[in-house]
Amino acid sequence: MKIYQHLIQDVPILEVVSNNGIHKPLPLVIFYHGWRSSKELVLTQARKLAQKNIRVILPDAMNHGQRLTDISSIPSFTFWDSIQGNLAEFALIRDYYNVQKLIKDQKIGVGGYSMGGMTTGALLTAHPEITAATIIMGTPDLSGYARLVRTNALQRNIYIPDDLERLTSWIANYDLSLQPEKIAGRPLLFWHGTNDCRIPYTMSKGFFDRVHGEDYAQQVAFITGYKAGHLVETRLMDKIANFFEYYLE
């Protein structure tokens, strides 16, 4: 297995691929790390995907990893900036591999943990070319999560601008919970732990319960991590790898 570190314009990425697949067209998976994490910390997941004959791209989100910056004291402001950066840079990464003719049959998977899972849901609203996706301990309900953060900050007497909702108004445009029909029949796997203390379990399970009977959501699946917290274990990584192998083959 090979791991390459390089830049796509100003986006630092790791490319993980099997030894015999370096120059071959392969299904592509772009996998996003979580808040205050980095691309290196999702390498175990990437290796499991690459073993399935998939080319895996791990970008550093803005403000993270090689692009690490100080966090704004305004709750969630840097968080949303990081997700917005992921959304803006997705097509840059996709096009880089398209130009080199390295995406087999235009099979593109997207996934991520936590903030990366929220990035994934947002990308599904704008990119019909995505074949399959996984939202792991994230939520597609971006607006609901933004409200939760604002409410918690106010309860703790932390300064928050009166117009923060307007300052981050782009969120509604990428909120999958407001336009779930954008799933459009695509395979989408959720995993969330019931004891998650960072992103409430109900924020993803409630979405699934609302849409799973709809025609556009026939390939949406939800795995509950009973008594699990905000942490990914090896068995779950294997399930994610098997999911992408099945839907991108």
Protein backbone atom coordinates (compact mmCIF):
# COMPACT_ATOMS: atom_id res chain seq x y z
CA MET A 1 0.00 0.00 0.00
CA LYS A 2 1.23 3.48 -0.87
CA ILE A 3 0.57 6.74 0.97
CA TYR A 4 1.35 9.96 -0.88
CA GLN A 5 1.32 13.40 0.68
CA HIS A 6 0.87 16.34 -1.67
CA LEU A 7 -1.02 19.54 -2.37
CA ILE A 8 -3.94 20.07 -4.70
CA GLN A 9 -3.50 23.80 -5.10
CA ASP A 10 -3.44 24.80 -1.42
CA VAL A 11 -5.26 21.74 -0.04
CA PRO A 12 -2.96 19.26 1.77
CA ILE A 13 -4.06 15.69 1.14
CA LEU A 14 -2.99 12.14 1.74
CA GLU A 15 -3.67 9.73 -1.11
CA VAL A 16 -3.87 6.09 0.00
CA VAL A 17 -3.89 3.40 -2.67
CA SER A 18 -2.84 -0.22 -3.19
CA ASN A 19 0.58 -0.87 -4.71
CA ASN A 20 -0.88 -2.12 -7.98
CA GLY A 21 -3.48 0.63 -8.28
CA ILE A 22 -1.36 3.75 -8.30
CA HIS A 23 -1.77 4.50 -12.01
CA LYS A 24 -5.05 2.64 -12.59
CA PRO A 25 -8.58 4.07 -12.61
CA LEU A 26 -10.19 3.09 -9.31
CA PRO A 27 -13.32 4.08 -7.41
CA LEU A 28 -12.56 7.24 -5.45
CA VAL A 29 -13.48 7.93 -1.82
CA ILE A 30 -12.90 11.35 -0.27
CA PHE A 31 -12.99 10.95 3.51
CA TYR A 32 -13.17 13.91 5.90
CA HIS A 33 -11.78 14.06 9.43
CA GLY A 34 -13.49 15.56 12.46
CA TRP A 35 -13.20 18.80 14.44
CA ARG A 36 -9.68 19.53 15.74
CA SER A 37 -8.46 16.34 14.09
CA SER A 38 -6.38 15.89 10.93
CA LYS A 39 -6.02 13.73 7.85
CA GLU A 40 -3.38 11.57 9.55
CA LEU A 41 -5.85 10.53 12.25
CA VAL A 42 -8.14 8.81 9.74
CA LEU A 43 -5.38 6.78 8.11
CA THR A 44 -6.58 3.52 9.64
CA GLN A 45 -9.94 3.97 7.94
CA ALA A 46 -8.19 4.91 4.69
CA ARG A 47 -6.03 1.79 4.74
CA LYS A 48 -9.09 -0.41 5.20
CA LEU A 49 -10.74 1.28 2.22
CA ALA A 50 -7.61 1.03 0.07
CA GLN A 51 -7.50 -2.72 0.76
CA LYS A 52 -10.82 -2.87 -1.10
CA ASN A 53 -9.12 -1.55 -4.25
CA ILE A 54 -10.35 2.00 -3.69
CA ARG A 55 -8.32 5.19 -4.06
CA VAL A 56 -8.76 7.18 -0.84
CA ILE A 57 -8.20 10.91 -0.46
CA LEU A 58 -7.86 12.45 3.00
CA PRO A 59 -7.89 16.27 2.93
CA ASP A 60 -6.96 18.56 5.80
CA ALA A 61 -9.91 20.87 6.40
CA MET A 62 -9.24 24.57 6.68
CA ASN A 63 -7.96 25.46 10.18
CA HIS A 64 -6.79 21.86 10.74
CA GLY A 65 -3.69 19.72 10.32
CA GLN A 66 -1.13 21.47 8.11
CA ARG A 67 -3.55 24.42 7.98
CA LEU A 68 -3.93 24.68 11.76
CA THR A 69 -5.05 28.07 13.05
CA ASP A 70 -6.33 29.51 16.30
CA ILE A 71 -10.01 28.93 17.05
CA SER A 72 -12.33 31.93 17.17
CA SER A 73 -13.76 32.61 20.65
CA ILE A 74 -17.20 32.90 19.01
CA PRO A 75 -18.77 29.44 19.46
CA SER A 76 -18.75 27.31 16.30
CA PHE A 77 -17.53 30.13 14.03
CA THR A 78 -14.30 28.32 13.10
CA PHE A 79 -16.21 25.03 12.93
CA TRP A 80 -18.58 26.31 10.24
CA ASP A 81 -15.71 28.00 8.42
CA SER A 82 -13.97 24.61 8.25
CA ILE A 83 -17.04 22.85 6.83
CA GLN A 84 -17.57 25.64 4.30
CA GLY A 85 -13.97 25.20 3.18
CA ASN A 86 -14.53 21.46 2.67
CA LEU A 87 -17.57 22.22 0.51
CA ALA A 88 -15.68 24.76 -1.57
CA GLU A 89 -12.73 22.42 -2.15
CA PHE A 90 -14.61 19.19 -2.96
CA ALA A 91 -14.87 19.89 -6.69
CA LEU A 92 -11.19 20.86 -6.80
CA ILE A 93 -10.22 17.41 -5.52
CA ARG A 94 -12.75 15.62 -7.73
CA ASP A 95 -11.57 17.43 -10.85
CA TYR A 96 -7.91 16.75 -10.09
CA TYR A 97 -8.50 12.99 -10.34
CA ASN A 98 -10.97 13.32 -13.20
CA VAL A 99 -8.42 15.13 -15.35
CA GLN A 100 -5.96 12.29 -14.77
CA LYS A 101 -8.67 9.75 -15.71
CA LEU A 102 -8.18 7.95 -12.39
CA ILE A 103 -11.86 7.65 -11.33
CA LYS A 104 -13.20 4.31 -12.51
CA ASP A 105 -16.69 4.55 -14.02
CA GLN A 106 -17.16 7.88 -12.19
CA LYS A 107 -17.73 6.01 -8.92
CA ILE A 108 -17.22 8.59 -6.16
CA GLY A 109 -17.80 7.95 -2.47
CA VAL A 110 -17.78 10.56 0.28
CA GLY A 111 -17.67 10.00 4.01
CA GLY A 112 -16.47 11.40 7.27
CA TYR A 113 -16.45 11.38 11.03
CA SER A 114 -18.27 14.01 13.11
CA MET A 115 -17.55 17.35 11.36
CA GLY A 116 -16.60 15.23 8.33
CA GLY A 117 -19.97 13.49 8.49
CA MET A 118 -21.71 16.86 8.53
CA THR A 119 -19.60 17.85 5.52
CA THR A 120 -20.80 14.68 3.77
CA GLY A 121 -24.48 15.43 4.30
CA ALA A 122 -23.96 18.95 3.02
CA LEU A 123 -22.17 17.72 -0.10
CA LEU A 124 -25.09 15.42 -0.94
CA THR A 125 -27.31 18.50 -1.37
CA ALA A 126 -25.10 19.94 -4.11
CA HIS A 127 -23.30 17.07 -5.86
CA PRO A 128 -25.47 14.49 -7.63
CA GLU A 129 -22.30 12.88 -8.98
CA ILE A 130 -21.62 11.36 -5.54
CA THR A 131 -22.41 7.63 -5.79
CA ALA A 132 -22.54 6.62 -2.10
CA ALA A 133 -21.90 8.26 1.25
CA THR A 134 -21.43 7.62 4.97
CA ILE A 135 -22.29 10.01 7.81
CA ILE A 136 -20.52 8.71 10.92
CA MET A 137 -21.43 10.35 14.26
CA GLY A 138 -22.43 13.51 12.43
CA THR A 139 -25.83 14.94 11.58
CA PRO A 140 -27.46 16.10 8.34
CA ASP A 141 -29.42 18.65 10.41
CA LEU A 142 -26.93 21.52 10.15
CA SER A 143 -29.46 24.20 11.09
CA GLY A 144 -30.58 22.28 14.14
CA TYR A 145 -27.00 21.79 15.30
CA ALA A 146 -26.25 25.48 14.78
CA ARG A 147 -29.27 26.37 16.95
CA LEU A 148 -28.12 23.93 19.62
CA VAL A 149 -24.66 25.53 19.77
CA ARG A 150 -26.14 29.03 20.00
CA THR A 151 -28.55 27.98 22.76
CA ASN A 152 -25.80 26.30 24.77
CA ALA A 153 -23.56 29.34 24.47
CA LEU A 154 -26.29 31.67 25.68
CA GLN A 155 -27.05 29.39 28.64
CA ARG A 156 -23.38 29.51 29.63
CA ASN A 157 -23.18 33.29 29.20
CA ILE A 158 -20.64 33.01 26.40
CA TYR A 159 -20.57 35.94 23.99
CA ILE A 160 -22.35 35.25 20.74
CA PRO A 161 -23.17 37.88 18.10
CA ASP A 162 -26.85 38.70 17.75
CA ASP A 163 -26.57 38.14 14.00
CA LEU A 164 -24.57 34.89 14.07
CA GLU A 165 -27.41 33.07 12.33
CA ARG A 166 -27.30 35.60 9.50
CA LEU A 167 -23.50 35.51 9.39
CA THR A 168 -23.71 31.76 8.78
CA SER A 169 -26.85 31.85 6.64
CA TRP A 170 -25.21 29.70 3.95
CA ILE A 171 -25.81 26.70 6.24
CA ALA A 172 -29.49 26.42 5.27
CA ASN A 173 -28.54 26.00 1.59
CA TYR A 174 -26.55 22.84 2.43
CA ASP A 175 -28.83 21.40 5.10
CA LEU A 176 -29.86 17.91 3.98
CA SER A 177 -32.63 17.80 6.59
CA LEU A 178 -34.34 20.68 4.76
CA GLN A 179 -34.08 18.99 1.36
CA PRO A 180 -33.87 15.24 2.02
CA GLU A 181 -35.10 14.46 -1.48
CA LYS A 182 -31.55 15.31 -2.60
CA ILE A 183 -30.56 11.85 -1.36
CA ALA A 184 -32.16 10.78 -4.65
CA GLY A 185 -32.02 7.04 -4.03
CA ARG A 186 -28.29 6.96 -3.33
CA PRO A 187 -26.79 4.54 -0.78
CA LEU A 188 -26.24 6.42 2.49
CA LEU A 189 -25.03 4.83 5.72
CA PHE A 190 -25.41 6.44 9.13
CA TRP A 191 -23.73 5.39 12.37
CA HIS A 192 -24.27 7.15 15.67
CA GLY A 193 -23.66 6.23 19.30
CA THR A 194 -26.50 6.61 21.79
CA ASN A 195 -24.15 8.13 24.37
CA ASP A 196 -22.59 10.71 22.07
CA CYS A 197 -21.97 13.82 24.18
CA ARG A 198 -20.90 16.07 21.30
CA ILE A 199 -23.54 15.56 18.61
CA PRO A 200 -26.79 14.15 20.00
CA TYR A 201 -27.81 10.73 18.70
CA THR A 202 -31.35 11.99 18.12
CA MET A 203 -30.12 14.53 15.55
CA SER A 204 -29.24 11.79 13.07
CA LYS A 205 -31.68 9.07 14.19
CA GLY A 206 -34.59 11.52 14.04
CA PHE A 207 -33.68 12.37 10.46
CA PHE A 208 -33.50 8.70 9.50
CA ASP A 209 -36.85 7.92 11.14
CA ARG A 210 -38.44 10.78 9.21
CA VAL A 211 -37.17 9.79 5.75
CA HIS A 212 -36.57 6.05 5.70
CA GLY A 213 -40.02 5.24 4.27
CA GLU A 214 -39.66 7.65 1.36
CA ASP A 215 -38.84 6.48 -2.16
CA TYR A 216 -35.72 8.66 -2.32
CA ALA A 217 -34.38 7.03 0.88
CA GLN A 218 -34.78 3.35 0.03
CA GLN A 219 -31.02 2.82 0.26
CA VAL A 220 -30.52 4.74 3.50
CA ALA A 221 -29.40 2.60 6.43
CA PHE A 222 -28.78 3.43 10.09
CA ILE A 223 -26.56 1.59 12.56
CA THR A 224 -26.99 2.42 16.24
CA GLY A 225 -23.98 2.18 18.50
CA TYR A 226 -25.67 1.17 21.76
CA LYS A 227 -24.02 2.94 24.71
CA ALA A 228 -21.30 4.13 22.33
CA GLY A 229 -19.85 7.61 22.60
CA HIS A 230 -18.14 9.93 20.14
CA LEU A 231 -15.56 7.36 19.05
CA VAL A 232 -15.02 5.07 16.08
CA GLU A 233 -13.90 1.48 16.69
CA THR A 234 -12.15 -0.89 14.30
CA ARG A 235 -15.26 -3.00 13.64
CA LEU A 236 -17.11 0.08 12.46
CA MET A 237 -14.22 0.98 10.15
CA ASP A 238 -14.59 -2.46 8.57
CA LYS A 239 -18.34 -1.91 8.04
CA ILE A 240 -17.61 1.42 6.34
CA ALA A 241 -15.02 -0.20 4.07
CA ASN A 242 -17.43 -3.02 3.18
CA PHE A 243 -20.19 -0.51 2.43
CA PHE A 244 -18.07 1.43 -0.06
CA GLU A 245 -16.68 -1.74 -1.62
CA TYR A 246 -20.22 -2.99 -2.29
CA TYR A 247 -21.62 0.23 -3.73
CA LEU A 248 -18.58 1.41 -5.67
CA GLU A 249 -17.56 -1.87 -7.30
